[in-house]
Amino acid sequence: MTAEENQALVHRWADAVNSGDIDVAVECLAPDYAGYFTGMAEPVQGPEGFKQMYMYFIKPSFPDQHITIEVDFATDDKVAAQTSWTATHQGDFMGIPPTGRTVVVPGTGIFRIADGKIAEEWMQEDFLGIYQQLTQGQGG
């Protein structure tokens, strides 16, 4: 695939996650996908592992979440993206009851593409910032 096709794949994946169409999102992932995310001790393994992580952490807590790819570029088999993630806290998240607050979280991701699928993802996001935005003014 070309660099432009790889970028289009990452955008298709983000659009599917944004629309809540997790089945289309996981179609963009390789069978041996590995996702390395801030705060997670072990990588997310395979499309089913991504789907489980999404359904456990994201969907119940932040059902209106939205990934914006602010800037991205690609070379060979990698796509790098500066992102922002916006979501309203509507369900329990890591022991914090719903606040109704909207969080905005900057992130940086690198995606490795193989055979037309996302094979690996490294995503660094500001989890301390999420905590601070959710607990601000609550003595947290």
N, C-alpha and C. Protein backbone atom coordinates (compact mmCIF):
# COMPACT_ATOMS: atom_id res chain seq x y z
N MET A 1 0.84 -1.19 0.00
CA MET A 1 0.00 0.00 0.00
C MET A 1 0.88 1.25 0.00
N THR A 2 0.35 2.31 -0.55
CA THR A 2 1.08 3.57 -0.55
C THR A 2 0.91 4.26 0.80
N ALA A 3 1.73 5.27 1.03
CA ALA A 3 1.62 6.05 2.27
C ALA A 3 0.23 6.67 2.38
N GLU A 4 -0.31 7.15 1.27
CA GLU A 4 -1.64 7.76 1.28
C GLU A 4 -2.72 6.72 1.60
N GLU A 5 -2.58 5.53 1.07
CA GLU A 5 -3.54 4.46 1.39
C GLU A 5 -3.47 4.08 2.86
N ASN A 6 -2.27 4.06 3.41
CA ASN A 6 -2.11 3.76 4.84
C ASN A 6 -2.77 4.84 5.69
N GLN A 7 -2.59 6.11 5.32
CA GLN A 7 -3.27 7.19 6.04
C GLN A 7 -4.78 7.03 5.95
N ALA A 8 -5.29 6.71 4.76
CA ALA A 8 -6.72 6.54 4.58
C ALA A 8 -7.25 5.40 5.46
N LEU A 9 -6.47 4.33 5.61
CA LEU A 9 -6.87 3.23 6.47
C LEU A 9 -7.00 3.69 7.92
N VAL A 10 -6.03 4.45 8.42
CA VAL A 10 -6.09 4.95 9.80
C VAL A 10 -7.29 5.87 9.97
N HIS A 11 -7.57 6.71 8.98
CA HIS A 11 -8.75 7.60 9.06
C HIS A 11 -10.04 6.78 9.04
N ARG A 12 -10.08 5.73 8.22
CA ARG A 12 -11.28 4.87 8.18
C ARG A 12 -11.51 4.22 9.55
N TRP A 13 -10.42 3.75 10.17
CA TRP A 13 -10.51 3.14 11.50
C TRP A 13 -11.04 4.17 12.50
N ALA A 14 -10.47 5.39 12.52
CA ALA A 14 -10.91 6.42 13.45
C ALA A 14 -12.37 6.80 13.21
N ASP A 15 -12.77 6.92 11.95
CA ASP A 15 -14.16 7.25 11.63
C ASP A 15 -15.11 6.17 12.14
N ALA A 16 -14.71 4.91 12.01
CA ALA A 16 -15.56 3.81 12.49
C ALA A 16 -15.66 3.84 14.01
N VAL A 17 -14.55 4.06 14.71
CA VAL A 17 -14.59 4.17 16.17
C VAL A 17 -15.48 5.35 16.56
N ASN A 18 -15.35 6.47 15.88
CA ASN A 18 -16.16 7.65 16.19
C ASN A 18 -17.64 7.41 16.03
N SER A 19 -18.01 6.64 15.02
CA SER A 19 -19.43 6.39 14.76
C SER A 19 -19.98 5.26 15.65
N GLY A 20 -19.08 4.63 16.42
CA GLY A 20 -19.51 3.52 17.27
C GLY A 20 -19.64 2.21 16.52
N ASP A 21 -19.19 2.19 15.27
CA ASP A 21 -19.27 0.96 14.47
C ASP A 21 -18.01 0.14 14.71
N ILE A 22 -17.97 -0.50 15.86
CA ILE A 22 -16.78 -1.23 16.28
C ILE A 22 -16.47 -2.40 15.35
N ASP A 23 -17.49 -2.97 14.71
CA ASP A 23 -17.24 -4.07 13.77
C ASP A 23 -16.43 -3.59 12.57
N VAL A 24 -16.74 -2.41 12.04
CA VAL A 24 -15.95 -1.86 10.94
C VAL A 24 -14.55 -1.50 11.43
N ALA A 25 -14.47 -0.94 12.64
CA ALA A 25 -13.15 -0.58 13.20
C ALA A 25 -12.25 -1.80 13.29
N VAL A 26 -12.76 -2.92 13.78
CA VAL A 26 -11.91 -4.09 13.93
C VAL A 26 -11.59 -4.75 12.58
N GLU A 27 -12.40 -4.48 11.54
CA GLU A 27 -12.07 -4.96 10.20
C GLU A 27 -10.78 -4.32 9.70
N CYS A 28 -10.43 -3.15 10.25
CA CYS A 28 -9.21 -2.45 9.85
C CYS A 28 -7.97 -3.02 10.54
N LEU A 29 -8.17 -3.93 11.48
CA LEU A 29 -7.07 -4.47 12.28
C LEU A 29 -6.64 -5.84 11.76
N ALA A 30 -5.33 -6.07 11.78
CA ALA A 30 -4.77 -7.36 11.38
C ALA A 30 -5.15 -8.43 12.42
N PRO A 31 -5.22 -9.69 12.00
CA PRO A 31 -5.55 -10.76 12.95
C PRO A 31 -4.58 -10.81 14.14
N ASP A 32 -3.32 -10.43 13.91
CA ASP A 32 -2.33 -10.45 15.00
C ASP A 32 -2.06 -9.04 15.55
N TYR A 33 -3.03 -8.16 15.41
CA TYR A 33 -2.92 -6.78 15.90
C TYR A 33 -2.43 -6.75 17.34
N ALA A 34 -1.57 -5.78 17.63
CA ALA A 34 -1.14 -5.51 19.01
C ALA A 34 -1.24 -4.01 19.24
N GLY A 35 -1.96 -3.63 20.29
CA GLY A 35 -2.14 -2.22 20.63
C GLY A 35 -1.49 -1.91 21.97
N TYR A 36 -0.60 -0.94 21.96
CA TYR A 36 0.13 -0.54 23.17
C TYR A 36 -0.40 0.83 23.58
N PHE A 37 -1.11 0.86 24.72
CA PHE A 37 -1.79 2.07 25.16
C PHE A 37 -1.26 2.52 26.51
N THR A 38 -1.17 3.84 26.68
CA THR A 38 -0.76 4.43 27.95
C THR A 38 -1.58 3.82 29.08
N GLY A 39 -0.91 3.44 30.15
CA GLY A 39 -1.59 2.97 31.34
C GLY A 39 -1.98 1.50 31.32
N MET A 40 -1.76 0.82 30.23
CA MET A 40 -2.11 -0.60 30.16
C MET A 40 -0.84 -1.43 30.27
N ALA A 41 -0.81 -2.33 31.22
CA ALA A 41 0.38 -3.13 31.49
C ALA A 41 0.72 -4.09 30.34
N GLU A 42 -0.30 -4.58 29.68
CA GLU A 42 -0.12 -5.54 28.60
C GLU A 42 -0.72 -4.99 27.32
N PRO A 43 -0.17 -5.36 26.17
CA PRO A 43 -0.77 -4.90 24.92
C PRO A 43 -2.13 -5.55 24.68
N VAL A 44 -2.99 -4.83 23.99
CA VAL A 44 -4.26 -5.37 23.53
C VAL A 44 -3.95 -6.29 22.36
N GLN A 45 -4.46 -7.51 22.40
CA GLN A 45 -4.12 -8.52 21.39
C GLN A 45 -5.31 -8.82 20.48
N GLY A 46 -5.10 -8.63 19.20
CA GLY A 46 -6.07 -9.02 18.18
C GLY A 46 -7.28 -8.11 18.11
N PRO A 47 -8.03 -8.22 17.01
CA PRO A 47 -9.25 -7.43 16.86
C PRO A 47 -10.24 -7.66 17.99
N GLU A 48 -10.37 -8.89 18.44
CA GLU A 48 -11.32 -9.18 19.53
C GLU A 48 -10.86 -8.51 20.83
N GLY A 49 -9.56 -8.48 21.08
CA GLY A 49 -9.05 -7.78 22.26
C GLY A 49 -9.33 -6.30 22.20
N PHE A 50 -9.20 -5.69 21.00
CA PHE A 50 -9.53 -4.27 20.85
C PHE A 50 -11.01 -4.04 21.11
N LYS A 51 -11.83 -4.91 20.56
CA LYS A 51 -13.28 -4.77 20.74
C LYS A 51 -13.65 -4.89 22.22
N GLN A 52 -13.06 -5.84 22.92
CA GLN A 52 -13.33 -5.99 24.35
C GLN A 52 -12.89 -4.76 25.14
N MET A 53 -11.70 -4.22 24.83
CA MET A 53 -11.22 -3.03 25.52
C MET A 53 -12.18 -1.86 25.27
N TYR A 54 -12.60 -1.68 24.05
CA TYR A 54 -13.52 -0.60 23.70
C TYR A 54 -14.84 -0.77 24.46
N MET A 55 -15.39 -1.97 24.44
CA MET A 55 -16.69 -2.21 25.07
C MET A 55 -16.62 -2.12 26.60
N TYR A 56 -15.46 -2.37 27.19
CA TYR A 56 -15.31 -2.34 28.64
C TYR A 56 -14.95 -0.95 29.15
N PHE A 57 -13.97 -0.30 28.51
CA PHE A 57 -13.47 0.98 29.01
C PHE A 57 -14.15 2.19 28.40
N ILE A 58 -14.36 2.17 27.10
CA ILE A 58 -14.79 3.38 26.40
C ILE A 58 -16.31 3.49 26.30
N LYS A 59 -16.95 2.53 25.71
CA LYS A 59 -18.38 2.61 25.41
C LYS A 59 -19.24 2.95 26.63
N PRO A 60 -19.07 2.27 27.77
CA PRO A 60 -19.95 2.60 28.90
C PRO A 60 -19.61 3.93 29.58
N SER A 61 -18.35 4.33 29.53
CA SER A 61 -17.93 5.54 30.25
C SER A 61 -18.02 6.80 29.40
N PHE A 62 -17.71 6.67 28.12
CA PHE A 62 -17.63 7.81 27.22
C PHE A 62 -18.31 7.47 25.88
N PRO A 63 -19.62 7.24 25.87
CA PRO A 63 -20.27 6.76 24.65
C PRO A 63 -20.23 7.74 23.48
N ASP A 64 -20.00 9.03 23.74
CA ASP A 64 -19.96 10.00 22.65
C ASP A 64 -18.53 10.36 22.23
N GLN A 65 -17.58 9.53 22.60
CA GLN A 65 -16.16 9.83 22.33
C GLN A 65 -15.92 10.11 20.86
N HIS A 66 -14.91 10.97 20.61
CA HIS A 66 -14.58 11.33 19.23
C HIS A 66 -13.08 11.54 19.11
N ILE A 67 -12.47 10.82 18.18
CA ILE A 67 -11.05 10.96 17.87
C ILE A 67 -10.92 11.94 16.71
N THR A 68 -10.11 12.98 16.89
CA THR A 68 -9.79 13.89 15.79
C THR A 68 -8.32 13.71 15.46
N ILE A 69 -8.05 13.41 14.21
CA ILE A 69 -6.66 13.35 13.76
C ILE A 69 -6.30 14.77 13.33
N GLU A 70 -5.50 15.42 14.16
CA GLU A 70 -5.14 16.82 13.91
C GLU A 70 -4.12 16.93 12.78
N VAL A 71 -3.10 16.09 12.84
CA VAL A 71 -2.03 16.08 11.84
C VAL A 71 -1.58 14.64 11.71
N ASP A 72 -1.32 14.20 10.48
CA ASP A 72 -0.74 12.87 10.31
C ASP A 72 0.18 12.87 9.11
N PHE A 73 1.11 11.93 9.14
CA PHE A 73 1.99 11.73 8.00
C PHE A 73 2.39 10.27 7.96
N ALA A 74 2.81 9.83 6.80
CA ALA A 74 3.13 8.42 6.62
C ALA A 74 4.44 8.27 5.85
N THR A 75 5.16 7.21 6.21
CA THR A 75 6.33 6.79 5.47
C THR A 75 6.32 5.27 5.47
N ASP A 76 6.55 4.70 4.32
CA ASP A 76 6.60 3.24 4.18
C ASP A 76 5.39 2.59 4.85
N ASP A 77 5.62 1.85 5.93
CA ASP A 77 4.54 1.09 6.56
C ASP A 77 4.04 1.72 7.86
N LYS A 78 4.37 2.98 8.13
CA LYS A 78 3.98 3.63 9.39
C LYS A 78 3.20 4.91 9.12
N VAL A 79 2.21 5.14 9.99
CA VAL A 79 1.46 6.39 10.00
C VAL A 79 1.60 6.97 11.40
N ALA A 80 2.02 8.22 11.48
CA ALA A 80 2.12 8.92 12.75
C ALA A 80 1.00 9.95 12.79
N ALA A 81 0.36 10.08 13.95
CA ALA A 81 -0.77 11.00 14.06
C ALA A 81 -0.75 11.73 15.39
N GLN A 82 -1.00 13.03 15.31
CA GLN A 82 -1.27 13.82 16.50
C GLN A 82 -2.79 13.87 16.60
N THR A 83 -3.31 13.47 17.75
CA THR A 83 -4.76 13.34 17.90
C THR A 83 -5.27 14.17 19.08
N SER A 84 -6.57 14.36 19.06
CA SER A 84 -7.25 14.82 20.27
C SER A 84 -8.48 13.94 20.42
N TRP A 85 -8.76 13.62 21.64
CA TRP A 85 -9.88 12.74 21.97
C TRP A 85 -10.81 13.54 22.86
N THR A 86 -12.05 13.67 22.45
CA THR A 86 -13.05 14.42 23.20
C THR A 86 -14.17 13.47 23.57
N ALA A 87 -14.64 13.57 24.82
CA ALA A 87 -15.71 12.68 25.26
C ALA A 87 -16.38 13.24 26.50
N THR A 88 -17.64 12.87 26.67
CA THR A 88 -18.39 13.26 27.86
C THR A 88 -18.45 12.06 28.81
N HIS A 89 -18.08 12.29 30.05
CA HIS A 89 -18.02 11.23 31.07
C HIS A 89 -19.44 10.90 31.52
N GLN A 90 -19.97 9.77 31.01
CA GLN A 90 -21.36 9.41 31.27
C GLN A 90 -21.53 8.10 32.03
N GLY A 91 -20.42 7.44 32.36
CA GLY A 91 -20.48 6.18 33.11
C GLY A 91 -19.24 6.04 33.96
N ASP A 92 -19.28 5.13 34.92
CA ASP A 92 -18.14 4.92 35.82
C ASP A 92 -16.87 4.69 35.01
N PHE A 93 -15.80 5.38 35.40
CA PHE A 93 -14.51 5.21 34.73
C PHE A 93 -13.43 5.12 35.79
N MET A 94 -12.84 3.93 35.91
CA MET A 94 -11.76 3.69 36.85
C MET A 94 -12.13 4.17 38.27
N GLY A 95 -13.35 3.84 38.66
CA GLY A 95 -13.82 4.18 40.01
C GLY A 95 -14.37 5.58 40.16
N ILE A 96 -14.37 6.37 39.11
CA ILE A 96 -14.92 7.73 39.18
C ILE A 96 -16.34 7.68 38.63
N PRO A 97 -17.34 8.01 39.46
CA PRO A 97 -18.72 7.99 38.97
C PRO A 97 -18.93 9.06 37.90
N PRO A 98 -19.96 8.92 37.07
CA PRO A 98 -20.19 9.87 35.97
C PRO A 98 -20.25 11.31 36.48
N THR A 99 -19.57 12.20 35.77
CA THR A 99 -19.56 13.62 36.14
C THR A 99 -20.31 14.49 35.14
N GLY A 100 -20.54 13.97 33.94
CA GLY A 100 -21.14 14.78 32.88
C GLY A 100 -20.15 15.76 32.26
N ARG A 101 -18.90 15.71 32.69
CA ARG A 101 -17.89 16.62 32.17
C ARG A 101 -17.35 16.12 30.83
N THR A 102 -17.01 17.09 30.00
CA THR A 102 -16.37 16.77 28.73
C THR A 102 -14.87 16.87 28.94
N VAL A 103 -14.17 15.83 28.52
CA VAL A 103 -12.71 15.82 28.60
C VAL A 103 -12.14 15.99 27.20
N VAL A 104 -11.00 16.64 27.13
CA VAL A 104 -10.25 16.79 25.89
C VAL A 104 -8.85 16.29 26.18
N VAL A 105 -8.43 15.28 25.43
CA VAL A 105 -7.17 14.60 25.73
C VAL A 105 -6.29 14.58 24.48
N PRO A 106 -5.11 15.21 24.56
CA PRO A 106 -4.19 15.12 23.43
C PRO A 106 -3.52 13.76 23.38
N GLY A 107 -3.14 13.35 22.19
CA GLY A 107 -2.46 12.06 22.05
C GLY A 107 -1.54 12.03 20.86
N THR A 108 -0.65 11.07 20.87
CA THR A 108 0.24 10.82 19.76
C THR A 108 0.22 9.33 19.48
N GLY A 109 -0.01 8.98 18.23
CA GLY A 109 -0.08 7.57 17.87
C GLY A 109 0.80 7.25 16.69
N ILE A 110 1.30 6.03 16.71
CA ILE A 110 2.03 5.49 15.57
C ILE A 110 1.36 4.17 15.22
N PHE A 111 1.04 4.01 13.95
CA PHE A 111 0.36 2.82 13.46
C PHE A 111 1.27 2.14 12.44
N ARG A 112 1.48 0.84 12.60
CA ARG A 112 2.23 0.07 11.60
C ARG A 112 1.22 -0.70 10.77
N ILE A 113 1.34 -0.56 9.46
CA ILE A 113 0.41 -1.19 8.53
C ILE A 113 1.10 -2.37 7.86
N ALA A 114 0.39 -3.49 7.80
CA ALA A 114 0.89 -4.68 7.10
C ALA A 114 -0.27 -5.33 6.35
N ASP A 115 -0.06 -5.63 5.11
CA ASP A 115 -1.08 -6.30 4.29
C ASP A 115 -2.43 -5.59 4.33
N GLY A 116 -2.40 -4.26 4.32
CA GLY A 116 -3.63 -3.49 4.26
C GLY A 116 -4.40 -3.40 5.55
N LYS A 117 -3.78 -3.76 6.66
CA LYS A 117 -4.44 -3.71 7.99
C LYS A 117 -3.51 -3.04 8.99
N ILE A 118 -4.10 -2.53 10.07
CA ILE A 118 -3.31 -1.98 11.17
C ILE A 118 -2.79 -3.16 11.98
N ALA A 119 -1.48 -3.36 11.97
CA ALA A 119 -0.87 -4.49 12.65
C ALA A 119 -0.44 -4.14 14.07
N GLU A 120 0.02 -2.91 14.26
CA GLU A 120 0.44 -2.45 15.58
C GLU A 120 0.04 -0.99 15.75
N GLU A 121 -0.25 -0.65 17.00
CA GLU A 121 -0.61 0.73 17.35
C GLU A 121 0.07 1.06 18.66
N TRP A 122 0.74 2.20 18.70
CA TRP A 122 1.32 2.73 19.93
C TRP A 122 0.63 4.06 20.18
N MET A 123 -0.13 4.16 21.26
CA MET A 123 -0.87 5.39 21.53
C MET A 123 -0.52 5.92 22.91
N GLN A 124 -0.03 7.14 22.93
CA GLN A 124 0.28 7.83 24.19
C GLN A 124 -0.75 8.92 24.39
N GLU A 125 -1.51 8.83 25.48
CA GLU A 125 -2.51 9.82 25.81
C GLU A 125 -2.32 10.27 27.25
N ASP A 126 -2.83 11.43 27.55
CA ASP A 126 -2.64 12.05 28.86
C ASP A 126 -3.70 11.54 29.85
N PHE A 127 -3.45 10.36 30.44
CA PHE A 127 -4.41 9.81 31.38
C PHE A 127 -4.48 10.61 32.67
N LEU A 128 -3.38 11.20 33.10
CA LEU A 128 -3.43 12.08 34.27
C LEU A 128 -4.35 13.26 33.97
N GLY A 129 -4.28 13.77 32.76
CA GLY A 129 -5.16 14.87 32.35
C GLY A 129 -6.62 14.47 32.41
N ILE A 130 -6.95 13.24 32.01
CA ILE A 130 -8.34 12.77 32.11
C ILE A 130 -8.77 12.80 33.57
N TYR A 131 -7.96 12.22 34.44
CA TYR A 131 -8.27 12.18 35.87
C TYR A 131 -8.47 13.59 36.41
N GLN A 132 -7.57 14.50 36.07
CA GLN A 132 -7.67 15.87 36.57
C GLN A 132 -8.94 16.55 36.06
N GLN A 133 -9.29 16.33 34.80
CA GLN A 133 -10.49 16.94 34.25
C GLN A 133 -11.76 16.38 34.90
N LEU A 134 -11.72 15.10 35.26
CA LEU A 134 -12.91 14.48 35.87
C LEU A 134 -13.07 14.80 37.34
N THR A 135 -11.96 15.07 38.03
CA THR A 135 -12.03 15.28 39.48
C THR A 135 -11.83 16.75 39.88
N GLN A 136 -11.60 17.62 38.94
CA GLN A 136 -11.38 19.04 39.21
C GLN A 136 -12.54 19.57 40.06
N GLY A 137 -12.18 20.19 41.16
CA GLY A 137 -13.18 20.76 42.04
C GLY A 137 -13.88 19.76 42.93
N GLN A 138 -13.42 18.50 42.91
CA GLN A 138 -14.05 17.46 43.73
C GLN A 138 -13.11 16.94 44.80
N GLY A 139 -12.01 17.65 45.03
CA GLY A 139 -11.06 17.20 46.05
C GLY A 139 -10.22 16.04 45.60
N GLY A 140 -10.22 15.72 44.27
CA GLY A 140 -9.50 14.58 43.76
C GLY A 140 -8.11 14.93 43.44
